[in-house]
Amino acid sequence: MNEVLLVAGMAIVTCVIRYPVLALLGKVTMPDPMLRALRYIPPAVLTAIVIPEVLLPAGTFKITNNAYLVAAVIAVLVSWRTKNLLLTIVVGIVALWIVRAIMGG
């Protein structure tokens, strides 16, 4: 029961914090440089999440014998060639499974 209350509390706090800003931005016209800058936020956040997981799989910098790095490179190549998000995710997961099976870990 405590977990449900915790999740509900986090949802309420998130909505209370974000809703006024979104309501205000709906009525204000933002300058073009700001809109262009905001388009870089999702890729920057995704990069900040993925790169440490790929290059620091055990908490230490690792390039050799790194299944995550190999699978990430394969996923990037698939993404670049196909521009298909679902295919990229599926190929990346399957590549990770195969590479981990081959490397033994």
Protein backbone atom coordinates (compact mmCIF):
# COMPACT_ATOMS: atom_id res chain seq x y z
CA MET A 1 0.00 0.00 0.00
CA ASN A 2 2.88 2.38 0.75
CA GLU A 3 4.21 1.91 -2.81
CA VAL A 4 0.85 2.93 -4.28
CA LEU A 5 0.78 6.06 -2.13
CA LEU A 6 4.37 6.83 -3.09
CA VAL A 7 3.67 6.53 -6.82
CA ALA A 8 0.45 8.56 -6.50
CA GLY A 9 2.31 11.24 -4.55
CA MET A 10 5.06 11.43 -7.16
CA ALA A 11 2.45 11.72 -9.93
CA ILE A 12 0.66 14.54 -8.12
CA VAL A 13 3.88 16.44 -7.43
CA THR A 14 4.97 16.02 -11.06
CA CYS A 15 1.65 17.36 -12.36
CA VAL A 16 1.59 20.26 -9.89
CA ILE A 17 5.11 21.30 -10.91
CA ARG A 18 4.70 20.92 -14.67
CA TYR A 19 1.13 21.97 -15.41
CA PRO A 20 1.48 25.72 -14.72
CA VAL A 21 4.53 25.95 -16.97
CA LEU A 22 2.80 24.08 -19.78
CA ALA A 23 -0.34 26.19 -19.42
CA LEU A 24 1.74 29.38 -19.54
CA LEU A 25 3.78 28.25 -22.54
CA GLY A 26 0.57 27.48 -24.43
CA LYS A 27 -0.30 31.18 -24.32
CA VAL A 28 3.17 32.61 -24.97
CA THR A 29 4.87 32.62 -28.35
CA MET A 30 8.43 31.47 -27.93
CA PRO A 31 11.21 32.92 -30.09
CA ASP A 32 12.56 30.73 -32.88
CA PRO A 33 16.08 30.39 -31.38
CA MET A 34 14.51 29.01 -28.18
CA LEU A 35 12.38 26.51 -30.12
CA ARG A 36 15.43 25.37 -32.11
CA ALA A 37 17.41 24.94 -28.89
CA LEU A 38 14.62 22.93 -27.26
CA ARG A 39 14.72 20.41 -30.10
CA TYR A 40 18.16 19.29 -28.89
CA ILE A 41 16.97 18.34 -25.41
CA PRO A 42 15.64 14.81 -26.15
CA PRO A 43 18.78 13.62 -27.98
CA ALA A 44 20.99 15.17 -25.29
CA VAL A 45 19.09 13.45 -22.49
CA LEU A 46 19.06 10.11 -24.34
CA THR A 47 22.81 10.40 -24.94
CA ALA A 48 23.42 11.21 -21.27
CA ILE A 49 21.52 8.07 -20.27
CA VAL A 50 22.87 5.65 -22.89
CA ILE A 51 26.59 6.50 -23.14
CA PRO A 52 27.47 5.72 -19.50
CA GLU A 53 25.57 2.42 -19.72
CA VAL A 54 27.41 1.47 -22.91
CA LEU A 55 30.92 2.58 -21.98
CA LEU A 56 30.77 1.90 -18.22
CA PRO A 57 28.85 -1.41 -18.00
CA ALA A 58 30.45 -2.52 -14.73
CA GLY A 59 31.18 0.95 -13.39
CA THR A 60 34.57 1.10 -15.07
CA PHE A 61 35.50 2.34 -18.55
CA LYS A 62 35.52 -0.65 -20.89
CA ILE A 63 36.00 -0.71 -24.66
CA THR A 64 37.42 -4.18 -25.27
CA ASN A 65 35.21 -7.25 -24.76
CA ASN A 66 32.15 -4.99 -24.27
CA ALA A 67 28.91 -6.58 -25.53
CA TYR A 68 26.95 -3.39 -24.85
CA LEU A 69 29.24 -1.36 -27.08
CA VAL A 70 29.02 -3.85 -29.95
CA ALA A 71 25.22 -4.00 -29.71
CA ALA A 72 25.01 -0.20 -29.51
CA VAL A 73 27.12 0.20 -32.65
CA ILE A 74 24.90 -2.31 -34.48
CA ALA A 75 21.77 -0.47 -33.29
CA VAL A 76 23.18 2.89 -34.40
CA LEU A 77 23.96 1.50 -37.85
CA VAL A 78 20.45 0.05 -38.18
CA SER A 79 18.94 3.34 -37.03
CA TRP A 80 21.06 5.33 -39.45
CA ARG A 81 20.21 3.11 -42.43
CA THR A 82 16.51 2.45 -41.80
CA LYS A 83 15.27 5.39 -39.67
CA ASN A 84 12.92 2.82 -38.07
CA LEU A 85 12.74 3.07 -34.27
CA LEU A 86 11.04 -0.30 -33.64
CA LEU A 87 13.46 -2.16 -35.89
CA THR A 88 16.39 -0.43 -34.19
CA ILE A 89 15.18 -1.49 -30.74
CA VAL A 90 14.54 -5.09 -31.78
CA VAL A 91 17.85 -5.43 -33.62
CA GLY A 92 19.72 -3.83 -30.71
CA ILE A 93 18.20 -6.25 -28.18
CA VAL A 94 18.80 -9.30 -30.37
CA ALA A 95 22.35 -8.12 -31.10
CA LEU A 96 23.02 -7.75 -27.37
CA TRP A 97 21.72 -11.27 -26.69
CA ILE A 98 23.82 -12.77 -29.48
CA VAL A 99 26.99 -10.87 -28.59
CA ARG A 100 26.63 -11.74 -24.90
CA ALA A 101 26.14 -15.40 -25.81
CA ILE A 102 29.25 -15.36 -28.01
CA MET A 103 31.36 -13.48 -25.43
CA GLY A 104 30.13 -15.69 -22.62
CA GLY A 105 28.64 -13.08 -20.38
